[in-house]
Amino acid sequence: MTVVDFHARLVPGGAEPERLLAVMDAAGIDRAAVSAGGLIPLDRLAAQIDEGGRAEAAADNDGVRRAARSSGGRLLPFFFADPMRDLSSYRSDAVDFKGLEISPAVHGGRLDDPAVHDLVTVAEAAGHPVYLVTVARPGAGPADLGRLAGRFPRVTFVWGHCGHHGLGLAGLDLLAGHPNVLAEISGCLTVTARRAVTRLGVGRVLFGTEYPLQAPAVELCKVDALGLDPAGRSAVLGGNACRVLGEEI
């Protein structure tokens, strides 16, 4: 069985990507979709999730690209874009990446902003999925993601963590009718992950770890707790990710 972590981060410093690859080996993870991490301190990130705000923080997308190139195909790079300033860079560099990440928690803003639409238009042309965690602020919630997905029906959107607080049951109901939205279940409660499977179907659920903030073993145990049959477990742990990313199983 191929196991693909759909959401890991490379933290700044000289320990990566070797540390991530060692963690993957220990957990039995074959490949991981990776974005830049450590853009802002965790205390500030938590405050922005609760209270709003914008960080003028640039992601080290070049570092992610270099790490992926040196990983023998195990790390699948995502471009982490600030909608206010990264459109031209993403457009020129998209060929080197496997997907796009947009974060209202870090960079603020609304999903109906033309700058977001411009980024998603580039993702559509590149065949990239768009990874996005919603937050409880006007313009950046699950219903707003649903409207964005409706505007771009040929783009695959991945709802990171099933929202920002672990119990995104209402969001799952809102997004169930948008077949181009998949749920990534790292960090959410088991009851939410189970609802994702029953509400969206096993073909629209993705395993992720949220490394380095979460231990991969915890997320693997959560998948085990869902009681999936072998085909469903294989799909959630890697088959769906390979389909979305255009990777061989």
C-alpha atoms as a PDB file:
ATOM      1  CA  MET A   1       0.000   0.000   0.000  1.00  0.00           C
ATOM      2  CA  THR A   2       1.289   3.451  -0.935  1.00  0.00           C
ATOM      3  CA  VAL A   3       1.005   5.955   1.933  1.00  0.00           C
ATOM      4  CA  VAL A   4       1.011   9.657   1.013  1.00  0.00           C
ATOM      5  CA  ASP A   5       0.936  12.423   3.600  1.00  0.00           C
ATOM      6  CA  PHE A   6      -1.047  15.198   1.905  1.00  0.00           C
ATOM      7  CA  HIS A   7       0.040  17.908   4.326  1.00  0.00           C
ATOM      8  CA  ALA A   8       3.471  18.328   5.880  1.00  0.00           C
ATOM      9  CA  ARG A   9       5.667  21.374   6.305  1.00  0.00           C
ATOM     10  CA  LEU A  10       9.375  21.992   6.004  1.00  0.00           C
ATOM     11  CA  VAL A  11      10.523  24.122   8.916  1.00  0.00           C
ATOM     12  CA  PRO A  12      13.341  26.630   8.410  1.00  0.00           C
ATOM     13  CA  GLY A  13      16.863  25.590   9.323  1.00  0.00           C
ATOM     14  CA  GLY A  14      19.444  23.052   8.342  1.00  0.00           C
ATOM     15  CA  ALA A  15      17.690  19.954   9.710  1.00  0.00           C
ATOM     16  CA  GLU A  16      15.316  19.596   6.755  1.00  0.00           C
ATOM     17  CA  PRO A  17      14.530  17.721   4.646  1.00  0.00           C
ATOM     18  CA  GLU A  18      16.490  14.912   6.300  1.00  0.00           C
ATOM     19  CA  ARG A  19      14.476  15.088   9.517  1.00  0.00           C
ATOM     20  CA  LEU A  20      11.142  14.873   7.695  1.00  0.00           C
ATOM     21  CA  LEU A  21      12.334  11.956   5.574  1.00  0.00           C
ATOM     22  CA  ALA A  22      13.480  10.115   8.711  1.00  0.00           C
ATOM     23  CA  VAL A  23      10.081  10.687  10.338  1.00  0.00           C
ATOM     24  CA  MET A  24       8.381   9.402   7.194  1.00  0.00           C
ATOM     25  CA  ASP A  25      10.552   6.282   7.207  1.00  0.00           C
ATOM     26  CA  ALA A  26       9.724   5.581  10.849  1.00  0.00           C
ATOM     27  CA  ALA A  27       5.986   5.957  10.188  1.00  0.00           C
ATOM     28  CA  GLY A  28       5.929   4.004   6.918  1.00  0.00           C
ATOM     29  CA  ILE A  29       5.030   7.042   4.795  1.00  0.00           C
ATOM     30  CA  ASP A  30       6.227   6.825   1.204  1.00  0.00           C
ATOM     31  CA  ARG A  31       5.662  10.379  -0.045  1.00  0.00           C
ATOM     32  CA  ALA A  32       4.545  13.706   1.364  1.00  0.00           C
ATOM     33  CA  ALA A  33       3.102  16.885  -0.096  1.00  0.00           C
ATOM     34  CA  VAL A  34       5.124  19.671   1.508  1.00  0.00           C
ATOM     35  CA  SER A  35       4.756  23.411   1.942  1.00  0.00           C
ATOM     36  CA  ALA A  36       6.971  25.962   3.601  1.00  0.00           C
ATOM     37  CA  GLY A  37       6.513  26.206   7.362  1.00  0.00           C
ATOM     38  CA  GLY A  38       7.504  28.552  10.126  1.00  0.00           C
ATOM     39  CA  LEU A  39       6.254  31.711   8.423  1.00  0.00           C
ATOM     40  CA  ILE A  40       5.099  33.208  11.722  1.00  0.00           C
ATOM     41  CA  PRO A  41       5.448  32.114  15.382  1.00  0.00           C
ATOM     42  CA  LEU A  42       2.784  29.665  16.557  1.00  0.00           C
ATOM     43  CA  ASP A  43       1.474  32.052  19.218  1.00  0.00           C
ATOM     44  CA  ARG A  44       0.847  34.683  16.573  1.00  0.00           C
ATOM     45  CA  LEU A  45      -0.741  32.147  14.226  1.00  0.00           C
ATOM     46  CA  ALA A  46      -3.108  31.026  16.979  1.00  0.00           C
ATOM     47  CA  ALA A  47      -4.037  34.631  17.712  1.00  0.00           C
ATOM     48  CA  GLN A  48      -4.684  35.369  14.042  1.00  0.00           C
ATOM     49  CA  ILE A  49      -6.901  32.301  13.717  1.00  0.00           C
ATOM     50  CA  ASP A  50      -8.982  33.567  16.650  1.00  0.00           C
ATOM     51  CA  GLU A  51      -8.882  37.304  16.045  1.00  0.00           C
ATOM     52  CA  GLY A  52      -7.921  37.864  12.419  1.00  0.00           C
ATOM     53  CA  GLY A  53      -5.003  39.761  11.002  1.00  0.00           C
ATOM     54  CA  ARG A  54      -2.443  39.564   8.264  1.00  0.00           C
ATOM     55  CA  ALA A  55       1.236  38.677   8.421  1.00  0.00           C
ATOM     56  CA  GLU A  56       3.613  40.122   5.847  1.00  0.00           C
ATOM     57  CA  ALA A  57       5.417  36.793   5.764  1.00  0.00           C
ATOM     58  CA  ALA A  58       7.065  35.302   2.701  1.00  0.00           C
ATOM     59  CA  ALA A  59       7.250  31.538   2.300  1.00  0.00           C
ATOM     60  CA  ASP A  60      10.523  29.878   1.339  1.00  0.00           C
ATOM     61  CA  ASN A  61       9.132  28.290  -1.796  1.00  0.00           C
ATOM     62  CA  ASP A  62      12.606  28.029  -3.311  1.00  0.00           C
ATOM     63  CA  GLY A  63      13.740  26.002  -0.304  1.00  0.00           C
ATOM     64  CA  VAL A  64      10.766  23.671  -0.683  1.00  0.00           C
ATOM     65  CA  ARG A  65      11.567  23.235  -4.362  1.00  0.00           C
ATOM     66  CA  ARG A  66      15.216  22.411  -3.610  1.00  0.00           C
ATOM     67  CA  ALA A  67      14.253  19.929  -0.901  1.00  0.00           C
ATOM     68  CA  ALA A  68      11.853  18.164  -3.245  1.00  0.00           C
ATOM     69  CA  ARG A  69      14.455  17.901  -5.973  1.00  0.00           C
ATOM     70  CA  SER A  70      16.890  16.237  -3.578  1.00  0.00           C
ATOM     71  CA  SER A  71      14.337  13.776  -2.159  1.00  0.00           C
ATOM     72  CA  GLY A  72      14.212  11.248  -4.975  1.00  0.00           C
ATOM     73  CA  GLY A  73      10.552  12.003  -5.660  1.00  0.00           C
ATOM     74  CA  ARG A  74       9.399  11.480  -2.074  1.00  0.00           C
ATOM     75  CA  LEU A  75       8.599  15.129  -1.355  1.00  0.00           C
ATOM     76  CA  LEU A  76       5.951  16.753  -3.541  1.00  0.00           C
ATOM     77  CA  PRO A  77       6.280  20.541  -3.381  1.00  0.00           C
ATOM     78  CA  PHE A  78       3.395  22.992  -2.959  1.00  0.00           C
ATOM     79  CA  PHE A  79       3.736  26.714  -3.642  1.00  0.00           C
ATOM     80  CA  PHE A  80       2.601  28.672  -0.569  1.00  0.00           C
ATOM     81  CA  ALA A  81       1.251  31.930  -1.992  1.00  0.00           C
ATOM     82  CA  ASP A  82       0.426  35.281  -0.470  1.00  0.00           C
ATOM     83  CA  PRO A  83      -2.406  36.473  -2.746  1.00  0.00           C
ATOM     84  CA  MET A  84      -1.270  40.072  -2.366  1.00  0.00           C
ATOM     85  CA  ARG A  85       2.209  39.573  -3.829  1.00  0.00           C
ATOM     86  CA  ASP A  86       2.968  36.111  -5.180  1.00  0.00           C
ATOM     87  CA  LEU A  87       0.928  35.867  -8.377  1.00  0.00           C
ATOM     88  CA  SER A  88       3.804  36.519 -10.775  1.00  0.00           C
ATOM     89  CA  SER A  89       6.164  34.188  -8.917  1.00  0.00           C
ATOM     90  CA  TYR A  90       3.626  31.393  -8.860  1.00  0.00           C
ATOM     91  CA  ARG A  91       2.809  31.859 -12.516  1.00  0.00           C
ATOM     92  CA  SER A  92       6.470  31.662 -13.532  1.00  0.00           C
ATOM     93  CA  ASP A  93       7.382  28.796 -11.175  1.00  0.00           C
ATOM     94  CA  ALA A  94       4.223  26.669 -11.263  1.00  0.00           C
ATOM     95  CA  VAL A  95       5.825  24.021 -13.457  1.00  0.00           C
ATOM     96  CA  ASP A  96       8.181  23.131 -10.590  1.00  0.00           C
ATOM     97  CA  PHE A  97       5.370  22.498  -8.090  1.00  0.00           C
ATOM     98  CA  LYS A  98       2.583  19.963  -7.565  1.00  0.00           C
ATOM     99  CA  GLY A  99       0.010  22.239  -5.973  1.00  0.00           C
ATOM    100  CA  LEU A 100      -0.888  25.603  -4.460  1.00  0.00           C
ATOM    101  CA  GLU A 101      -1.545  26.543  -0.835  1.00  0.00           C
ATOM    102  CA  ILE A 102      -3.451  29.666   0.238  1.00  0.00           C
ATOM    103  CA  SER A 103      -3.784  30.509   3.953  1.00  0.00           C
ATOM    104  CA  PRO A 104      -6.335  33.043   5.224  1.00  0.00           C
ATOM    105  CA  ALA A 105      -4.976  32.331   8.716  1.00  0.00           C
ATOM    106  CA  VAL A 106      -1.513  33.630   7.778  1.00  0.00           C
ATOM    107  CA  HIS A 107      -2.125  36.171   5.039  1.00  0.00           C
ATOM    108  CA  GLY A 108      -5.685  37.220   5.868  1.00  0.00           C
ATOM    109  CA  GLY A 109      -8.066  38.257   3.137  1.00  0.00           C
ATOM    110  CA  ARG A 110     -11.206  36.831   1.618  1.00  0.00           C
ATOM    111  CA  LEU A 111     -11.702  33.950  -0.791  1.00  0.00           C
ATOM    112  CA  ASP A 112     -13.754  36.141  -3.110  1.00  0.00           C
ATOM    113  CA  ASP A 113     -10.848  38.557  -3.538  1.00  0.00           C
ATOM    114  CA  PRO A 114      -9.799  38.896  -7.201  1.00  0.00           C
ATOM    115  CA  ALA A 115      -6.205  38.205  -6.120  1.00  0.00           C
ATOM    116  CA  VAL A 116      -7.268  34.765  -4.868  1.00  0.00           C
ATOM    117  CA  HIS A 117      -9.160  34.125  -8.093  1.00  0.00           C
ATOM    118  CA  ASP A 118      -6.070  35.053 -10.087  1.00  0.00           C
ATOM    119  CA  LEU A 119      -3.986  32.497  -8.182  1.00  0.00           C
ATOM    120  CA  VAL A 120      -6.596  29.780  -8.662  1.00  0.00           C
ATOM    121  CA  THR A 121      -6.727  30.571 -12.376  1.00  0.00           C
ATOM    122  CA  VAL A 122      -3.003  29.825 -12.576  1.00  0.00           C
ATOM    123  CA  ALA A 123      -3.533  26.632 -10.563  1.00  0.00           C
ATOM    124  CA  GLU A 124      -6.238  25.569 -13.012  1.00  0.00           C
ATOM    125  CA  ALA A 125      -3.924  26.090 -15.966  1.00  0.00           C
ATOM    126  CA  ALA A 126      -1.149  24.149 -14.213  1.00  0.00           C
ATOM    127  CA  GLY A 127      -3.437  21.282 -13.187  1.00  0.00           C
ATOM    128  CA  HIS A 128      -2.705  21.955  -9.517  1.00  0.00           C
ATOM    129  CA  PRO A 129      -4.918  21.190  -6.534  1.00  0.00           C
ATOM    130  CA  VAL A 130      -5.452  24.084  -4.114  1.00  0.00           C
ATOM    131  CA  TYR A 131      -4.956  23.399  -0.388  1.00  0.00           C
ATOM    132  CA  LEU A 132      -6.793  25.794   1.904  1.00  0.00           C
ATOM    133  CA  VAL A 133      -7.748  25.907   5.597  1.00  0.00           C
ATOM    134  CA  THR A 134     -10.849  27.970   6.302  1.00  0.00           C
ATOM    135  CA  VAL A 135     -11.248  30.212   9.339  1.00  0.00           C
ATOM    136  CA  ALA A 136     -14.203  31.746  11.160  1.00  0.00           C
ATOM    137  CA  ARG A 137     -14.040  35.166   9.531  1.00  0.00           C
ATOM    138  CA  PRO A 138     -16.215  36.822   6.884  1.00  0.00           C
ATOM    139  CA  GLY A 139     -15.191  35.694   3.436  1.00  0.00           C
ATOM    140  CA  ALA A 140     -12.930  32.852   4.580  1.00  0.00           C
ATOM    141  CA  GLY A 141     -15.270  30.141   5.876  1.00  0.00           C
ATOM    142  CA  PRO A 142     -16.486  26.822   4.448  1.00  0.00           C
ATOM    143  CA  ALA A 143     -19.382  28.442   2.578  1.00  0.00           C
ATOM    144  CA  ASP A 144     -16.902  30.808   0.940  1.00  0.00           C
ATOM    145  CA  LEU A 145     -14.746  27.853  -0.074  1.00  0.00           C
ATOM    146  CA  GLY A 146     -17.861  26.270  -1.565  1.00  0.00           C
ATOM    147  CA  ARG A 147     -18.522  29.370  -3.640  1.00  0.00           C
ATOM    148  CA  LEU A 148     -14.894  29.436  -4.788  1.00  0.00           C
ATOM    149  CA  ALA A 149     -15.117  25.765  -5.771  1.00  0.00           C
ATOM    150  CA  GLY A 150     -18.309  26.493  -7.689  1.00  0.00           C
ATOM    151  CA  ARG A 151     -16.569  29.272  -9.592  1.00  0.00           C
ATOM    152  CA  PHE A 152     -13.693  26.910 -10.533  1.00  0.00           C
ATOM    153  CA  PRO A 153     -15.332  23.502 -11.075  1.00  0.00           C
ATOM    154  CA  ARG A 154     -12.281  22.056 -12.852  1.00  0.00           C
ATOM    155  CA  VAL A 155      -9.960  22.774  -9.902  1.00  0.00           C
ATOM    156  CA  THR A 156      -9.597  20.301  -7.049  1.00  0.00           C
ATOM    157  CA  PHE A 157      -9.766  22.067  -3.681  1.00  0.00           C
ATOM    158  CA  VAL A 158      -8.501  20.366  -0.533  1.00  0.00           C
ATOM    159  CA  TRP A 159     -10.145  21.538   2.697  1.00  0.00           C
ATOM    160  CA  GLY A 160      -7.270  21.362   5.140  1.00  0.00           C
ATOM    161  CA  HIS A 161      -7.937  19.842   8.594  1.00  0.00           C
ATOM    162  CA  CYS A 162     -11.696  19.925   7.852  1.00  0.00           C
ATOM    163  CA  GLY A 163     -11.543  23.513   9.090  1.00  0.00           C
ATOM    164  CA  HIS A 164      -9.571  25.163  11.862  1.00  0.00           C
ATOM    165  CA  HIS A 165     -11.106  23.840  15.091  1.00  0.00           C
ATOM    166  CA  GLY A 166     -11.379  20.053  14.745  1.00  0.00           C
ATOM    167  CA  LEU A 167     -15.173  19.752  14.702  1.00  0.00           C
ATOM    168  CA  GLY A 168     -16.057  20.919  11.217  1.00  0.00           C
ATOM    169  CA  LEU A 169     -19.294  18.974  10.869  1.00  0.00           C
ATOM    170  CA  ALA A 170     -21.320  21.880   9.519  1.00  0.00           C
ATOM    171  CA  GLY A 171     -18.585  22.627   7.004  1.00  0.00           C
ATOM    172  CA  LEU A 172     -18.689  19.064   5.733  1.00  0.00           C
ATOM    173  CA  ASP A 173     -22.419  19.421   5.144  1.00  0.00           C
ATOM    174  CA  LEU A 174     -21.861  22.699   3.296  1.00  0.00           C
ATOM    175  CA  LEU A 175     -19.119  21.285   1.085  1.00  0.00           C
ATOM    176  CA  ALA A 176     -20.612  17.867   0.383  1.00  0.00           C
ATOM    177  CA  GLY A 177     -22.390  19.193  -2.688  1.00  0.00           C
ATOM    178  CA  HIS A 178     -19.156  20.381  -4.279  1.00  0.00           C
ATOM    179  CA  PRO A 179     -17.556  17.268  -5.781  1.00  0.00           C
ATOM    180  CA  ASN A 180     -14.295  19.107  -6.500  1.00  0.00           C
ATOM    181  CA  VAL A 181     -13.691  19.654  -2.758  1.00  0.00           C
ATOM    182  CA  LEU A 182     -11.843  16.952  -0.825  1.00  0.00           C
ATOM    183  CA  ALA A 183     -11.258  16.828   2.932  1.00  0.00           C
ATOM    184  CA  GLU A 184      -7.777  16.482   4.441  1.00  0.00           C
ATOM    185  CA  ILE A 185      -8.179  15.155   7.969  1.00  0.00           C
ATOM    186  CA  SER A 186      -4.998  15.962   9.902  1.00  0.00           C
ATOM    187  CA  GLY A 187      -5.706  17.706  13.190  1.00  0.00           C
ATOM    188  CA  CYS A 188      -9.457  17.151  13.223  1.00  0.00           C
ATOM    189  CA  LEU A 189     -11.336  14.930  15.668  1.00  0.00           C
ATOM    190  CA  THR A 190     -12.017  11.301  14.831  1.00  0.00           C
ATOM    191  CA  VAL A 191     -15.746  12.019  14.736  1.00  0.00           C
ATOM    192  CA  THR A 192     -15.100  14.657  12.072  1.00  0.00           C
ATOM    193  CA  ALA A 193     -12.921  12.321  10.016  1.00  0.00           C
ATOM    194  CA  ARG A 194     -15.625   9.667  10.234  1.00  0.00           C
ATOM    195  CA  ARG A 195     -18.252  12.184   9.092  1.00  0.00           C
ATOM    196  CA  ALA A 196     -15.999  13.151   6.185  1.00  0.00           C
ATOM    197  CA  VAL A 197     -15.996   9.547   4.993  1.00  0.00           C
ATOM    198  CA  THR A 198     -19.752   9.096   5.364  1.00  0.00           C
ATOM    199  CA  ARG A 199     -20.738  12.544   4.048  1.00  0.00           C
ATOM    200  CA  LEU A 200     -18.251  12.982   1.199  1.00  0.00           C
ATOM    201  CA  GLY A 201     -17.425   9.368   0.413  1.00  0.00           C
ATOM    202  CA  VAL A 202     -14.160   7.540   0.834  1.00  0.00           C
ATOM    203  CA  GLY A 203     -12.876   8.865  -2.491  1.00  0.00           C
ATOM    204  CA  ARG A 204     -12.870  12.461  -1.205  1.00  0.00           C
ATOM    205  CA  VAL A 205     -10.846  12.022   2.009  1.00  0.00           C
ATOM    206  CA  LEU A 206      -7.079  12.474   2.325  1.00  0.00           C
ATOM    207  CA  PHE A 207      -4.657  11.416   5.058  1.00  0.00           C
ATOM    208  CA  GLY A 208      -2.284  14.104   6.310  1.00  0.00           C
ATOM    209  CA  THR A 209      -0.011  14.577   9.310  1.00  0.00           C
ATOM    210  CA  GLU A 210       0.499  18.337   9.843  1.00  0.00           C
ATOM    211  CA  TYR A 211       4.166  17.535  10.515  1.00  0.00           C
ATOM    212  CA  PRO A 212       5.974  18.873  12.524  1.00  0.00           C
ATOM    213  CA  LEU A 213       3.084  20.027  14.738  1.00  0.00           C
ATOM    214  CA  GLN A 214       1.513  16.571  14.928  1.00  0.00           C
ATOM    215  CA  ALA A 215       3.061  13.134  15.333  1.00  0.00           C
ATOM    216  CA  PRO A 216       2.347  11.035  12.216  1.00  0.00           C
ATOM    217  CA  ALA A 217       1.547   8.021  14.411  1.00  0.00           C
ATOM    218  CA  VAL A 218      -1.425   9.906  15.873  1.00  0.00           C
ATOM    219  CA  GLU A 219      -2.895  10.561  12.439  1.00  0.00           C
ATOM    220  CA  LEU A 220      -2.278   6.988  11.293  1.00  0.00           C
ATOM    221  CA  CYS A 221      -4.117   5.728  14.387  1.00  0.00           C
ATOM    222  CA  LYS A 222      -7.026   8.017  13.526  1.00  0.00           C
ATOM    223  CA  VAL A 223      -7.307   6.438  10.092  1.00  0.00           C
ATOM    224  CA  ASP A 224      -7.204   2.988  11.717  1.00  0.00           C
ATOM    225  CA  ALA A 225     -10.026   4.062  14.056  1.00  0.00           C
ATOM    226  CA  LEU A 226     -12.313   4.778  11.094  1.00  0.00           C
ATOM    227  CA  GLY A 227     -12.781   1.049  10.510  1.00  0.00           C
ATOM    228  CA  LEU A 228     -12.451   1.279   6.748  1.00  0.00           C
ATOM    229  CA  ASP A 229     -12.351  -1.798   4.553  1.00  0.00           C
ATOM    230  CA  PRO A 230      -9.002  -2.485   2.837  1.00  0.00           C
ATOM    231  CA  ALA A 231      -9.944  -0.631  -0.339  1.00  0.00           C
ATOM    232  CA  GLY A 232     -11.165   2.405   1.566  1.00  0.00           C
ATOM    233  CA  ARG A 233      -8.141   2.486   3.819  1.00  0.00           C
ATOM    234  CA  SER A 234      -5.846   2.302   0.789  1.00  0.00           C
ATOM    235  CA  ALA A 235      -7.731   5.162  -0.879  1.00  0.00           C
ATOM    236  CA  VAL A 236      -7.564   7.473   2.157  1.00  0.00           C
ATOM    237  CA  LEU A 237      -3.927   6.700   2.965  1.00  0.00           C
ATOM    238  CA  GLY A 238      -2.578   7.204  -0.518  1.00  0.00           C
ATOM    239  CA  GLY A 239      -4.724   6.304  -3.504  1.00  0.00           C
ATOM    240  CA  ASN A 240      -6.775   9.505  -3.455  1.00  0.00           C
ATOM    241  CA  ALA A 241      -3.660  11.640  -3.044  1.00  0.00           C
ATOM    242  CA  CYS A 242      -1.966   9.951  -5.983  1.00  0.00           C
ATOM    243  CA  ARG A 243      -5.023  10.624  -8.129  1.00  0.00           C
ATOM    244  CA  VAL A 244      -5.203  14.289  -7.133  1.00  0.00           C
ATOM    245  CA  LEU A 245      -1.458  14.859  -7.583  1.00  0.00           C
ATOM    246  CA  GLY A 246      -1.041  12.818 -10.754  1.00  0.00           C
ATOM    247  CA  GLU A 247       1.328  10.409  -9.008  1.00  0.00           C
ATOM    248  CA  GLU A 248       1.731   6.712  -9.613  1.00  0.00           C
ATOM    249  CA  ILE A 249       0.444   4.498  -6.816  1.00  0.00           C
END
